[in-house]
Amino acid sequence: FAAQSSIAFLSIYSLGCVIGTVVIAFIAQASAPKYMVILGFSIATLSLLAVSMTQNHLLLFAAIFCAGVGGMGTQNMINDHIAQYYPPEVRATGLGWALAAGRVGAIAGPTYGAVAATIGGSPGAAAMWFAIPAALGVLVAIVMPLR
């Protein structure tokens, strides 16, 4: 994609992150953060698969927006779930450990993306490779305790 398209994709993704976080947070208050984590990872998985299968710019923008909702919106819900899961005396430690584990993904993610793009040979293939960790996130979120 051209640089202009890449900037537009990043902007749409970021907009999805912001709007997704706010909307998911309101819904989580009425239900539970765990359910929003499952939903968010599911949205991320499906939207990344959609990114890998379309070249239509309008559909691509919609899928990238939803990837933002499912990506960063879900990360924020994981933090909310952790904060509600641990008792107050160990809450900061639990959240600190979870954020430290998340840093591993932030460090490994770019390398994983480079390998995925190299193996797949296209941005669509790389998006499909990123759907794999999102799908694993769905499975992990399903088995994590509610409270």
Foldseek 3Di string as FASTA:
>chain_A
DDPVLVVLLVVLLQQLQVVLLVVLVVVCVVPNLLVSLLVLLVLLLVLLLQCLPDPPSVSNSVSSSSNSSSPNSNVVSVLVQLQVPDPPVCSVVSSVVVVVVVVVCVVCVVVLLVVQCVVVVDPSSSSNSVSVVSVVSSVVSVPDDRD
